[in-house]
Full PDB file with SEQRES, HELIX, SHEET, SSBOND, CRYST1, ORIGX, SCALE, CONECT and MASTER records, all heavy atoms in Angstrom:
SEQRES   1 A   44  THR ALA THR GLN LEU HIS GLY ILE ALA ASP LEU ALA ALA          
SEQRES   2 A   44  ASP TRP GLY GLY GLY TYR ALA GLN ILE THR THR ARG ALA          
SEQRES   3 A   44  ASN LEU GLN VAL ARG GLU ILE ALA PRO ALA HIS ILE VAL          
SEQRES   4 A   44  LYS VAL LEU VAL ARG                                          
HELIX    1 AA1 ALA A    2  TRP A   15  1                                  14    
HELIX    2 AA2 PRO A   35  HIS A   37  5                                   3    
HELIX    3 AA3 ILE A   38  VAL A   43  1                                   6    
SHEET    1 AA1 2 ALA A  20  ILE A  22  0                                        
SHEET    2 AA1 2 LEU A  28  VAL A  30 -1                                        
CRYST1    1.000    1.000    1.000  90.00  90.00  90.00 P 1           1          
ORIGX1      1.000000  0.000000  0.000000        0.00000                         
ORIGX2      0.000000  1.000000  0.000000        0.00000                         
ORIGX3      0.000000  0.000000  1.000000        0.00000                         
SCALE1      1.000000  0.000000  0.000000        0.00000                         
SCALE2      0.000000  1.000000  0.000000        0.00000                         
SCALE3      0.000000  0.000000  1.000000        0.00000                         
ATOM      1  N   THR A   1      94.474   3.930-105.454  1.00  0.00           N  
ATOM      2  CA  THR A   1      95.882   3.608-105.236  1.00  0.00           C  
ATOM      3  C   THR A   1      96.121   3.369-103.749  1.00  0.00           C  
ATOM      4  O   THR A   1      95.335   3.803-102.892  1.00  0.00           O  
ATOM      5  CB  THR A   1      96.794   4.744-105.710  1.00  0.00           C  
ATOM      6  OG1 THR A   1      96.606   5.886-104.838  1.00  0.00           O  
ATOM      7  CG2 THR A   1      96.502   5.142-107.139  1.00  0.00           C  
ATOM      8  N   ALA A   2      97.201   2.691-103.444  1.00  0.00           N  
ATOM      9  CA  ALA A   2      97.562   2.455-102.047  1.00  0.00           C  
ATOM     10  C   ALA A   2      97.782   3.780-101.328  1.00  0.00           C  
ATOM     11  O   ALA A   2      97.390   3.941-100.158  1.00  0.00           O  
ATOM     12  CB  ALA A   2      98.815   1.585-101.982  1.00  0.00           C  
ATOM     13  N   THR A   3      98.391   4.734-102.001  1.00  0.00           N  
ATOM     14  CA  THR A   3      98.612   6.050-101.394  1.00  0.00           C  
ATOM     15  C   THR A   3      97.297   6.718-101.039  1.00  0.00           C  
ATOM     16  O   THR A   3      97.153   7.311 -99.960  1.00  0.00           O  
ATOM     17  CB  THR A   3      99.421   6.941-102.360  1.00  0.00           C  
ATOM     18  OG1 THR A   3     100.686   6.335-102.610  1.00  0.00           O  
ATOM     19  CG2 THR A   3      99.635   8.325-101.771  1.00  0.00           C  
ATOM     20  N   GLN A   4      96.320   6.625-101.932  1.00  0.00           N  
ATOM     21  CA  GLN A   4      95.016   7.223-101.651  1.00  0.00           C  
ATOM     22  C   GLN A   4      94.325   6.545-100.476  1.00  0.00           C  
ATOM     23  O   GLN A   4      93.730   7.209 -99.623  1.00  0.00           O  
ATOM     24  CB  GLN A   4      94.137   7.156-102.900  1.00  0.00           C  
ATOM     25  CG  GLN A   4      94.577   8.113-104.003  1.00  0.00           C  
ATOM     26  CD  GLN A   4      93.845   7.890-105.304  1.00  0.00           C  
ATOM     27  OE1 GLN A   4      93.429   6.767-105.614  1.00  0.00           O  
ATOM     28  NE2 GLN A   4      93.684   8.947-106.086  1.00  0.00           N  
ATOM     29  N   LEU A   5      94.422   5.209-100.407  1.00  0.00           N  
ATOM     30  CA  LEU A   5      93.781   4.507 -99.293  1.00  0.00           C  
ATOM     31  C   LEU A   5      94.455   4.859 -97.970  1.00  0.00           C  
ATOM     32  O   LEU A   5      93.774   5.019 -96.943  1.00  0.00           O  
ATOM     33  CB  LEU A   5      93.806   2.999 -99.539  1.00  0.00           C  
ATOM     34  CG  LEU A   5      92.984   2.165 -98.545  1.00  0.00           C  
ATOM     35  CD1 LEU A   5      91.535   2.609 -98.525  1.00  0.00           C  
ATOM     36  CD2 LEU A   5      93.072   0.676 -98.884  1.00  0.00           C  
ATOM     37  N   HIS A   6      95.781   4.991 -97.961  1.00  0.00           N  
ATOM     38  CA  HIS A   6      96.460   5.466 -96.753  1.00  0.00           C  
ATOM     39  C   HIS A   6      95.914   6.837 -96.352  1.00  0.00           C  
ATOM     40  O   HIS A   6      95.649   7.105 -95.171  1.00  0.00           O  
ATOM     41  CB  HIS A   6      97.971   5.578 -97.001  1.00  0.00           C  
ATOM     42  CG  HIS A   6      98.742   4.307 -96.813  1.00  0.00           C  
ATOM     43  ND1 HIS A   6      98.697   3.571 -95.649  1.00  0.00           N  
ATOM     44  CD2 HIS A   6      99.613   3.657 -97.645  1.00  0.00           C  
ATOM     45  CE1 HIS A   6      99.481   2.507 -95.762  1.00  0.00           C  
ATOM     46  NE2 HIS A   6     100.059   2.540 -96.967  1.00  0.00           N  
ATOM     47  N   GLY A   7      95.745   7.712 -97.344  1.00  0.00           N  
ATOM     48  CA  GLY A   7      95.259   9.059 -97.048  1.00  0.00           C  
ATOM     49  C   GLY A   7      93.848   9.065 -96.506  1.00  0.00           C  
ATOM     50  O   GLY A   7      93.528   9.833 -95.586  1.00  0.00           O  
ATOM     51  N   ILE A   8      92.988   8.227 -97.054  1.00  0.00           N  
ATOM     52  CA  ILE A   8      91.612   8.144 -96.550  1.00  0.00           C  
ATOM     53  C   ILE A   8      91.600   7.591 -95.135  1.00  0.00           C  
ATOM     54  O   ILE A   8      90.820   8.046 -94.284  1.00  0.00           O  
ATOM     55  CB  ILE A   8      90.760   7.282 -97.501  1.00  0.00           C  
ATOM     56  CG1 ILE A   8      90.641   7.961 -98.870  1.00  0.00           C  
ATOM     57  CG2 ILE A   8      89.374   7.039 -96.915  1.00  0.00           C  
ATOM     58  CD1 ILE A   8      90.074   7.061 -99.956  1.00  0.00           C  
ATOM     59  N   ALA A   9      92.466   6.625 -94.870  1.00  0.00           N  
ATOM     60  CA  ALA A   9      92.558   6.078 -93.511  1.00  0.00           C  
ATOM     61  C   ALA A   9      92.971   7.164 -92.522  1.00  0.00           C  
ATOM     62  O   ALA A   9      92.400   7.275 -91.418  1.00  0.00           O  
ATOM     63  CB  ALA A   9      93.557   4.925 -93.485  1.00  0.00           C  
ATOM     64  N   ASP A  10      93.955   7.970 -92.902  1.00  0.00           N  
ATOM     65  CA  ASP A  10      94.378   9.066 -92.022  1.00  0.00           C  
ATOM     66  C   ASP A  10      93.257  10.084 -91.838  1.00  0.00           C  
ATOM     67  O   ASP A  10      93.034  10.584 -90.725  1.00  0.00           O  
ATOM     68  CB  ASP A  10      95.613   9.758 -92.607  1.00  0.00           C  
ATOM     69  CG  ASP A  10      96.875   8.907 -92.474  1.00  0.00           C  
ATOM     70  OD1 ASP A  10      96.922   8.044 -91.575  1.00  0.00           O  
ATOM     71  OD2 ASP A  10      97.812   9.120 -93.278  1.00  0.00           O  
ATOM     72  N   LEU A  11      92.559  10.402 -92.928  1.00  0.00           N  
ATOM     73  CA  LEU A  11      91.447  11.348 -92.850  1.00  0.00           C  
ATOM     74  C   LEU A  11      90.379  10.844 -91.886  1.00  0.00           C  
ATOM     75  O   LEU A  11      89.875  11.601 -91.036  1.00  0.00           O  
ATOM     76  CB  LEU A  11      90.871  11.540 -94.259  1.00  0.00           C  
ATOM     77  CG  LEU A  11      89.756  12.546 -94.496  1.00  0.00           C  
ATOM     78  CD1 LEU A  11      89.763  12.997 -95.958  1.00  0.00           C  
ATOM     79  CD2 LEU A  11      88.383  11.947 -94.188  1.00  0.00           C  
ATOM     80  N   ALA A  12      90.044   9.563 -91.994  1.00  0.00           N  
ATOM     81  CA  ALA A  12      89.023   8.984 -91.115  1.00  0.00           C  
ATOM     82  C   ALA A  12      89.479   9.000 -89.663  1.00  0.00           C  
ATOM     83  O   ALA A  12      88.682   9.246 -88.743  1.00  0.00           O  
ATOM     84  CB  ALA A  12      88.702   7.557 -91.560  1.00  0.00           C  
ATOM     85  N   ALA A  13      90.764   8.724 -89.423  1.00  0.00           N  
ATOM     86  CA  ALA A  13      91.281   8.703 -88.055  1.00  0.00           C  
ATOM     87  C   ALA A  13      91.395  10.112 -87.481  1.00  0.00           C  
ATOM     88  O   ALA A  13      91.093  10.333 -86.294  1.00  0.00           O  
ATOM     89  CB  ALA A  13      92.639   8.006 -88.034  1.00  0.00           C  
ATOM     90  N   ASP A  14      91.826  11.076 -88.299  1.00  0.00           N  
ATOM     91  CA  ASP A  14      92.062  12.433 -87.804  1.00  0.00           C  
ATOM     92  C   ASP A  14      90.773  13.222 -87.609  1.00  0.00           C  
ATOM     93  O   ASP A  14      90.637  13.963 -86.635  1.00  0.00           O  
ATOM     94  CB  ASP A  14      92.961  13.192 -88.778  1.00  0.00           C  
ATOM     95  CG  ASP A  14      94.367  12.628 -88.853  1.00  0.00           C  
ATOM     96  OD1 ASP A  14      94.736  11.848 -87.946  1.00  0.00           O  
ATOM     97  OD2 ASP A  14      95.086  12.947 -89.828  1.00  0.00           O  
ATOM     98  N   TRP A  15      89.819  13.080 -88.534  1.00  0.00           N  
ATOM     99  CA  TRP A  15      88.648  13.966 -88.516  1.00  0.00           C  
ATOM    100  C   TRP A  15      87.313  13.235 -88.558  1.00  0.00           C  
ATOM    101  O   TRP A  15      86.263  13.874 -88.488  1.00  0.00           O  
ATOM    102  CB  TRP A  15      88.735  14.929 -89.702  1.00  0.00           C  
ATOM    103  CG  TRP A  15      89.970  15.775 -89.675  1.00  0.00           C  
ATOM    104  CD1 TRP A  15      90.522  16.401 -88.585  1.00  0.00           C  
ATOM    105  CD2 TRP A  15      90.831  16.081 -90.773  1.00  0.00           C  
ATOM    106  NE1 TRP A  15      91.655  17.084 -88.943  1.00  0.00           N  
ATOM    107  CE2 TRP A  15      91.870  16.913 -90.287  1.00  0.00           C  
ATOM    108  CE3 TRP A  15      90.824  15.756 -92.127  1.00  0.00           C  
ATOM    109  CZ2 TRP A  15      92.878  17.398 -91.103  1.00  0.00           C  
ATOM    110  CZ3 TRP A  15      91.824  16.246 -92.946  1.00  0.00           C  
ATOM    111  CH2 TRP A  15      92.840  17.061 -92.438  1.00  0.00           C  
ATOM    112  N   GLY A  16      87.323  11.914 -88.683  1.00  0.00           N  
ATOM    113  CA  GLY A  16      86.080  11.151 -88.720  1.00  0.00           C  
ATOM    114  C   GLY A  16      85.985  10.175 -87.571  1.00  0.00           C  
ATOM    115  O   GLY A  16      86.617  10.352 -86.526  1.00  0.00           O  
ATOM    116  N   GLY A  17      85.211   9.120 -87.784  1.00  0.00           N  
ATOM    117  CA  GLY A  17      84.996   8.129 -86.741  1.00  0.00           C  
ATOM    118  C   GLY A  17      86.011   7.008 -86.735  1.00  0.00           C  
ATOM    119  O   GLY A  17      85.822   6.019 -86.021  1.00  0.00           O  
ATOM    120  N   GLY A  18      87.062   7.129 -87.549  1.00  0.00           N  
ATOM    121  CA  GLY A  18      88.095   6.109 -87.574  1.00  0.00           C  
ATOM    122  C   GLY A  18      87.785   4.930 -88.465  1.00  0.00           C  
ATOM    123  O   GLY A  18      88.422   3.880 -88.361  1.00  0.00           O  
ATOM    124  N   TYR A  19      86.827   5.078 -89.377  1.00  0.00           N  
ATOM    125  CA  TYR A  19      86.455   3.989 -90.282  1.00  0.00           C  
ATOM    126  C   TYR A  19      85.891   4.584 -91.567  1.00  0.00           C  
ATOM    127  O   TYR A  19      85.554   5.773 -91.637  1.00  0.00           O  
ATOM    128  CB  TYR A  19      85.417   3.060 -89.644  1.00  0.00           C  
ATOM    129  CG  TYR A  19      84.102   3.740 -89.315  1.00  0.00           C  
ATOM    130  CD1 TYR A  19      83.040   3.719 -90.217  1.00  0.00           C  
ATOM    131  CD2 TYR A  19      83.924   4.425 -88.115  1.00  0.00           C  
ATOM    132  CE1 TYR A  19      81.841   4.354 -89.921  1.00  0.00           C  
ATOM    133  CE2 TYR A  19      82.736   5.060 -87.818  1.00  0.00           C  
ATOM    134  CZ  TYR A  19      81.687   5.023 -88.718  1.00  0.00           C  
ATOM    135  OH  TYR A  19      80.504   5.665 -88.437  1.00  0.00           O  
ATOM    136  N   ALA A  20      85.792   3.744 -92.583  1.00  0.00           N  
ATOM    137  CA  ALA A  20      85.139   4.113 -93.835  1.00  0.00           C  
ATOM    138  C   ALA A  20      84.221   2.976 -94.234  1.00  0.00           C  
ATOM    139  O   ALA A  20      84.380   1.829 -93.786  1.00  0.00           O  
ATOM    140  CB  ALA A  20      86.161   4.390 -94.930  1.00  0.00           C  
ATOM    141  N   GLN A  21      83.260   3.287 -95.089  1.00  0.00           N  
ATOM    142  CA  GLN A  21      82.318   2.276 -95.561  1.00  0.00           C  
ATOM    143  C   GLN A  21      82.376   2.200 -97.085  1.00  0.00           C  
ATOM    144  O   GLN A  21      82.343   3.230 -97.769  1.00  0.00           O  
ATOM    145  CB  GLN A  21      80.890   2.629 -95.122  1.00  0.00           C  
ATOM    146  CG  GLN A  21      80.698   2.612 -93.616  1.00  0.00           C  
ATOM    147  CD  GLN A  21      79.376   3.239 -93.198  1.00  0.00           C  
ATOM    148  OE1 GLN A  21      78.914   4.195 -93.798  1.00  0.00           O  
ATOM    149  NE2 GLN A  21      78.774   2.692 -92.159  1.00  0.00           N  
ATOM    150  N   ILE A  22      82.471   0.988 -97.613  1.00  0.00           N  
ATOM    151  CA  ILE A  22      82.354   0.786 -99.055  1.00  0.00           C  
ATOM    152  C   ILE A  22      80.867   0.806 -99.402  1.00  0.00           C  
ATOM    153  O   ILE A  22      80.054   0.177 -98.729  1.00  0.00           O  
ATOM    154  CB  ILE A  22      82.974  -0.554 -99.486  1.00  0.00           C  
ATOM    155  CG1 ILE A  22      84.414  -0.672 -98.981  1.00  0.00           C  
ATOM    156  CG2 ILE A  22      82.942  -0.692-101.004  1.00  0.00           C  
ATOM    157  CD1 ILE A  22      85.050  -2.033 -99.250  1.00  0.00           C  
ATOM    158  N   THR A  23      80.505   1.517-100.455  1.00  0.00           N  
ATOM    159  CA  THR A  23      79.098   1.679-100.813  1.00  0.00           C  
ATOM    160  C   THR A  23      78.728   0.792-101.993  1.00  0.00           C  
ATOM    161  O   THR A  23      79.578   0.181-102.639  1.00  0.00           O  
ATOM    162  CB  THR A  23      78.788   3.140-101.180  1.00  0.00           C  
ATOM    163  OG1 THR A  23      79.290   3.401-102.508  1.00  0.00           O  
ATOM    164  CG2 THR A  23      79.432   4.103-100.202  1.00  0.00           C  
ATOM    165  N   THR A  24      77.449   0.767-102.308  1.00  0.00           N  
ATOM    166  CA  THR A  24      76.959  -0.012-103.434  1.00  0.00           C  
ATOM    167  C   THR A  24      77.221   0.683-104.774  1.00  0.00           C  
ATOM    168  O   THR A  24      76.758   0.204-105.811  1.00  0.00           O  
ATOM    169  CB  THR A  24      75.450  -0.295-103.294  1.00  0.00           C  
ATOM    170  OG1 THR A  24      74.756   0.939-103.093  1.00  0.00           O  
ATOM    171  CG2 THR A  24      75.187  -1.228-102.127  1.00  0.00           C  
ATOM    172  N   ARG A  25      77.976   1.773-104.755  1.00  0.00           N  
ATOM    173  CA  ARG A  25      78.461   2.378-105.996  1.00  0.00           C  
ATOM    174  C   ARG A  25      79.985   2.291-106.054  1.00  0.00           C  
ATOM    175  O   ARG A  25      80.647   3.163-106.631  1.00  0.00           O  
ATOM    176  CB  ARG A  25      77.976   3.808-106.163  1.00  0.00           C  
ATOM    177  CG  ARG A  25      76.464   3.875-106.388  1.00  0.00           C  
ATOM    178  CD  ARG A  25      76.059   5.025-107.269  1.00  0.00           C  
ATOM    179  NE  ARG A  25      76.591   4.947-108.611  1.00  0.00           N  
ATOM    180  CZ  ARG A  25      76.137   4.128-109.576  1.00  0.00           C  
ATOM    181  NH1 ARG A  25      75.136   3.309-109.340  1.00  0.00           N  
ATOM    182  NH2 ARG A  25      76.691   4.125-110.768  1.00  0.00           N  
ATOM    183  N   ALA A  26      80.542   1.238-105.469  1.00  0.00           N  
ATOM    184  CA  ALA A  26      81.993   1.010-105.508  1.00  0.00           C  
ATOM    185  C   ALA A  26      82.739   2.262-105.078  1.00  0.00           C  
ATOM    186  O   ALA A  26      83.633   2.751-105.772  1.00  0.00           O  
ATOM    187  CB  ALA A  26      82.417   0.567-106.916  1.00  0.00           C  
ATOM    188  N   ASN A  27      82.379   2.754-103.938  1.00  0.00           N  
ATOM    189  CA  ASN A  27      82.810   4.061-103.475  1.00  0.00           C  
ATOM    190  C   ASN A  27      83.133   3.965-101.990  1.00  0.00           C  
ATOM    191  O   ASN A  27      82.926   2.928-101.366  1.00  0.00           O  
ATOM    192  CB  ASN A  27      81.662   5.052-103.711  1.00  0.00           C  
ATOM    193  CG  ASN A  27      82.114   6.470-103.834  1.00  0.00           C  
ATOM    194  OD1 ASN A  27      83.298   6.764-103.725  1.00  0.00           O  
ATOM    195  ND2 ASN A  27      81.172   7.362-104.076  1.00  0.00           N  
ATOM    196  N   LEU A  28      83.636   5.040-101.412  1.00  0.00           N  
ATOM    197  CA  LEU A  28      83.895   5.093 -99.973  1.00  0.00           C  
ATOM    198  C   LEU A  28      83.213   6.320 -99.366  1.00  0.00           C  
ATOM    199  O   LEU A  28      83.117   7.369-100.018  1.00  0.00           O  
ATOM    200  CB  LEU A  28      85.394   5.170 -99.684  1.00  0.00           C  
ATOM    201  CG  LEU A  28      86.217   3.896 -99.877  1.00  0.00           C  
ATOM    202  CD1 LEU A  28      87.706   4.198 -99.714  1.00  0.00           C  
ATOM    203  CD2 LEU A  28      85.797   2.797 -98.896  1.00  0.00           C  
ATOM    204  N   GLN A  29      82.771   6.164 -98.141  1.00  0.00           N  
ATOM    205  CA  GLN A  29      82.277   7.313 -97.383  1.00  0.00           C  
ATOM    206  C   GLN A  29      82.810   7.231 -95.956  1.00  0.00           C  
ATOM    207  O   GLN A  29      82.975   6.153 -95.401  1.00  0.00           O  
ATOM    208  CB  GLN A  29      80.754   7.404 -97.427  1.00  0.00           C  
ATOM    209  CG  GLN A  29      80.003   6.170 -97.010  1.00  0.00           C  
ATOM    210  CD  GLN A  29      78.522   6.237 -97.388  1.00  0.00           C  
ATOM    211  OE1 GLN A  29      78.143   6.823 -98.393  1.00  0.00           O  
ATOM    212  NE2 GLN A  29      77.676   5.639 -96.563  1.00  0.00           N  
ATOM    213  N   VAL A  30      83.101   8.418 -95.411  1.00  0.00           N  
ATOM    214  CA  VAL A  30      83.665   8.542 -94.070  1.00  0.00           C  
ATOM    215  C   VAL A  30      82.664   9.309 -93.208  1.00  0.00           C  
ATOM    216  O   VAL A  30      82.157  10.355 -93.621  1.00  0.00           O  
ATOM    217  CB  VAL A  30      85.020   9.279 -94.099  1.00  0.00           C  
ATOM    218  CG1 VAL A  30      85.569   9.459 -92.688  1.00  0.00           C  
ATOM    219  CG2 VAL A  30      86.017   8.518 -94.971  1.00  0.00           C  
ATOM    220  N   ARG A  31      82.417   8.812 -92.008  1.00  0.00           N  
ATOM    221  CA  ARG A  31      81.383   9.375 -91.144  1.00  0.00           C  
ATOM    222  C   ARG A  31      81.976  10.038 -89.892  1.00  0.00           C  
ATOM    223  O   ARG A  31      83.163   9.968 -89.643  1.00  0.00           O  
ATOM    224  CB  ARG A  31      80.392   8.283 -90.726  1.00  0.00           C  
ATOM    225  CG  ARG A  31      79.562   7.785 -91.876  1.00  0.00           C  
ATOM    226  CD  ARG A  31      78.544   6.741 -91.451  1.00  0.00           C  
ATOM    227  NE  ARG A  31      77.619   6.504 -92.551  1.00  0.00           N  
ATOM    228  CZ  ARG A  31      76.507   7.205 -92.765  1.00  0.00           C  
ATOM    229  NH1 ARG A  31      76.176   8.172 -91.926  1.00  0.00           N  
ATOM    230  NH2 ARG A  31      75.740   6.938 -93.795  1.00  0.00           N  
ATOM    231  N   GLU A  32      81.060  10.676 -89.152  1.00  0.00           N  
ATOM    232  CA  GLU A  32      81.332  11.284 -87.841  1.00  0.00           C  
ATOM    233  C   GLU A  32      82.351  12.419 -87.956  1.00  0.00           C  
ATOM    234  O   GLU A  32      83.299  12.521 -87.171  1.00  0.00           O  
ATOM    235  CB  GLU A  32      81.782  10.218 -86.841  1.00  0.00           C  
ATOM    236  CG  GLU A  32      80.730   9.129 -86.631  1.00  0.00           C  
ATOM    237  CD  GLU A  32      81.150   8.087 -85.607  1.00  0.00           C  
ATOM    238  OE1 GLU A  32      81.642   8.489 -84.526  1.00  0.00           O  
ATOM    239  OE2 GLU A  32      80.995   6.879 -85.891  1.00  0.00           O  
ATOM    240  N   ILE A  33      82.128  13.296 -88.930  1.00  0.00           N  
ATOM    241  CA  ILE A  33      82.987  14.461 -89.158  1.00  0.00           C  
ATOM    242  C   ILE A  33      82.319  15.694 -88.549  1.00  0.00           C  
ATOM    243  O   ILE A  33      81.166  16.002 -88.861  1.00  0.00           O  
ATOM    244  CB  ILE A  33      83.225  14.672 -90.662  1.00  0.00           C  
ATOM    245  CG1 ILE A  33      83.901  13.436 -91.266  1.00  0.00           C  
ATOM    246  CG2 ILE A  33      84.061  15.913 -90.916  1.00  0.00           C  
ATOM    247  CD1 ILE A  33      83.937  13.446 -92.780  1.00  0.00           C  
ATOM    248  N   ALA A  34      83.029  16.399 -87.691  1.00  0.00           N  
ATOM    249  CA  ALA A  34      82.506  17.628 -87.087  1.00  0.00           C  
ATOM    250  C   ALA A  34      82.509  18.748 -88.119  1.00  0.00           C  
ATOM    251  O   ALA A  34      83.326  18.757 -89.048  1.00  0.00           O  
ATOM    252  CB  ALA A  34      83.349  18.020 -85.875  1.00  0.00           C  
ATOM    253  N   PRO A  35      81.606  19.744 -87.971  1.00  0.00           N  
ATOM    254  CA  PRO A  35      81.583  20.855 -88.927  1.00  0.00           C  
ATOM    255  C   PRO A  35      82.927  21.559 -89.056  1.00  0.00           C  
ATOM    256  O   PRO A  35      83.286  22.016 -90.146  1.00  0.00           O  
ATOM    257  CB  PRO A  35      80.517  21.792 -88.360  1.00  0.00           C  
ATOM    258  CG  PRO A  35      79.691  20.967 -87.459  1.00  0.00           C  
ATOM    259  CD  PRO A  35      80.555  19.865 -86.948  1.00  0.00           C  
ATOM    260  N   ALA A  36      83.669  21.646 -87.969  1.00  0.00           N  
ATOM    261  CA  ALA A  36      84.948  22.353 -87.993  1.00  0.00           C  
ATOM    262  C   ALA A  36      85.938  21.733 -88.978  1.00  0.00           C  
ATOM    263  O   ALA A  36      86.888  22.400 -89.412  1.00  0.00           O  
ATOM    264  CB  ALA A  36      85.555  22.378 -86.589  1.00  0.00           C  
ATOM    265  N   HIS A  37      85.718  20.476 -89.375  1.00  0.00           N  
ATOM    266  CA  HIS A  37      86.697  19.773 -90.196  1.00  0.00           C  
ATOM    267  C   HIS A  37      86.300  19.637 -91.664  1.00  0.00           C  
ATOM    268  O   HIS A  37      87.060  19.054 -92.446  1.00  0.00           O  
ATOM    269  CB  HIS A  37      86.932  18.367 -89.625  1.00  0.00           C  
ATOM    270  CG  HIS A  37      87.416  18.361 -88.205  1.00  0.00           C  
ATOM    271  ND1 HIS A  37      88.372  19.231 -87.741  1.00  0.00           N  
ATOM    272  CD2 HIS A  37      87.052  17.574 -87.148  1.00  0.00           C  
ATOM    273  CE1 HIS A  37      88.590  18.987 -86.454  1.00  0.00           C  
ATOM    274  NE2 HIS A  37      87.807  17.991 -86.071  1.00  0.00           N  
ATOM    275  N   ILE A  38      85.114  20.142 -92.047  1.00  0.00           N  
ATOM    276  CA  ILE A  38      84.629  19.820 -93.398  1.00  0.00           C  
ATOM    277  C   ILE A  38      85.538  20.391 -94.489  1.00  0.00           C  
ATOM    278  O   ILE A  38      85.771  19.733 -95.512  1.00  0.00           O  
ATOM    279  CB  ILE A  38      83.171  20.279 -93.600  1.00  0.00           C  
ATOM    280  CG1 ILE A  38      83.007  21.784 -93.371  1.00  0.00           C  
ATOM    281  CG2 ILE A  38      82.239  19.473 -92.711  1.00  0.00           C  
ATOM    282  CD1 ILE A  38      81.599  22.284 -93.676  1.00  0.00           C  
ATOM    283  N   VAL A  39      86.056  21.587 -94.302  1.00  0.00           N  
ATOM    284  CA  VAL A  39      86.919  22.174 -95.342  1.00  0.00           C  
ATOM    285  C   VAL A  39      88.253  21.433 -95.393  1.00  0.00           C  
ATOM    286  O   VAL A  39      88.781  21.154 -96.478  1.00  0.00           O  
ATOM    287  CB  VAL A  39      87.119  23.674 -95.094  1.00  0.00           C  
ATOM    288  CG1 VAL A  39      88.194  24.244 -96.029  1.00  0.00           C  
ATOM    289  CG2 VAL A  39      85.802  24.425 -95.301  1.00  0.00           C  
ATOM    290  N   LYS A  40      88.789  21.083 -94.232  1.00  0.00           N  
ATOM    291  CA  LYS A  40      90.041  20.318 -94.214  1.00  0.00           C  
ATOM    292  C   LYS A  40      89.872  18.979 -94.918  1.00  0.00           C  
ATOM    293  O   LYS A  40      90.775  18.518 -95.626  1.00  0.00           O  
ATOM    294  CB  LYS A  40      90.497  20.116 -92.762  1.00  0.00           C  
ATOM    295  CG  LYS A  40      90.985  21.384 -92.083  1.00  0.00           C  
ATOM    296  CD  LYS A  40      91.495  21.120 -90.683  1.00  0.00           C  
ATOM    297  CE  LYS A  40      90.366  20.906 -89.701  1.00  0.00           C  
ATOM    298  NZ  LYS A  40      90.844  20.849 -88.288  1.00  0.00           N  
ATOM    299  N   VAL A  41      88.707  18.364 -94.750  1.00  0.00           N  
ATOM    300  CA  VAL A  41      88.433  17.089 -95.409  1.00  0.00           C  
ATOM    301  C   VAL A  41      88.423  17.258 -96.930  1.00  0.00           C  
ATOM    302  O   VAL A  41      89.041  16.478 -97.667  1.00  0.00           O  
ATOM    303  CB  VAL A  41      87.094  16.501 -94.915  1.00  0.00           C  
ATOM    304  CG1 VAL A  41      86.617  15.377 -95.837  1.00  0.00           C  
ATOM    305  CG2 VAL A  41      87.224  15.980 -93.490  1.00  0.00           C  
ATOM    306  N   LEU A  42      87.733  18.292 -97.414  1.00  0.00           N  
ATOM    307  CA  LEU A  42      87.657  18.512 -98.859  1.00  0.00           C  
ATOM    308  C   LEU A  42      89.033  18.817 -99.446  1.00  0.00           C  
ATOM    309  O   LEU A  42      89.372  18.331-100.539  1.00  0.00           O  
ATOM    310  CB  LEU A  42      86.684  19.646 -99.165  1.00  0.00           C  
ATOM    311  CG  LEU A  42      85.214  19.413 -98.766  1.00  0.00           C  
ATOM    312  CD1 LEU A  42      84.363  20.612 -99.173  1.00  0.00           C  
ATOM    313  CD2 LEU A  42      84.671  18.142 -99.389  1.00  0.00           C  
ATOM    314  N   VAL A  43      89.802  19.602 -98.741  1.00  0.00           N  
ATOM    315  CA  VAL A  43      91.149  19.929 -99.224  1.00  0.00           C  
ATOM    316  C   VAL A  43      92.033  18.695 -99.233  1.00  0.00           C  
ATOM    317  O   VAL A  43      92.787  18.450-100.182  1.00  0.00           O  
ATOM    318  CB  VAL A  43      91.763  21.054 -98.370  1.00  0.00           C  
ATOM    319  CG1 VAL A  43      93.231  21.258 -98.727  1.00  0.00           C  
ATOM    320  CG2 VAL A  43      90.993  22.356 -98.574  1.00  0.00           C  
ATOM    321  N   ARG A  44      91.943  17.869 -98.185  1.00  0.00           N  
ATOM    322  CA  ARG A  44      92.752  16.655 -98.126  1.00  0.00           C  
ATOM    323  C   ARG A  44      92.410  15.724 -99.292  1.00  0.00           C  
ATOM    324  O   ARG A  44      93.302  15.126 -99.899  1.00  0.00           O  
ATOM    325  CB  ARG A  44      92.530  15.931 -96.798  1.00  0.00           C  
ATOM    326  CG  ARG A  44      93.253  14.593 -96.669  1.00  0.00           C  
ATOM    327  CD  ARG A  44      94.759  14.722 -96.521  1.00  0.00           C  
ATOM    328  NE  ARG A  44      95.122  15.382 -95.286  1.00  0.00           N  
ATOM    329  CZ  ARG A  44      95.238  14.775 -94.099  1.00  0.00           C  
ATOM    330  NH1 ARG A  44      95.021  13.474 -93.986  1.00  0.00           N  
ATOM    331  NH2 ARG A  44      95.584  15.464 -93.025  1.00  0.00           N  
TER     332      ARG A  44                                                      
MASTER        0    0    0    3    2    0    0    6  331    1    0    4          
END                                                                             
């Protein structure tokens, strides 16, 4: 949904490298996350 994509964009900007990658399983992954943020990412 558009709401989910907005949320992933915020997650990537707040706790990742500011980008996401579409994968070959029609999926998304977000990189450059510090250990301090992993629980916040899962909860978000």
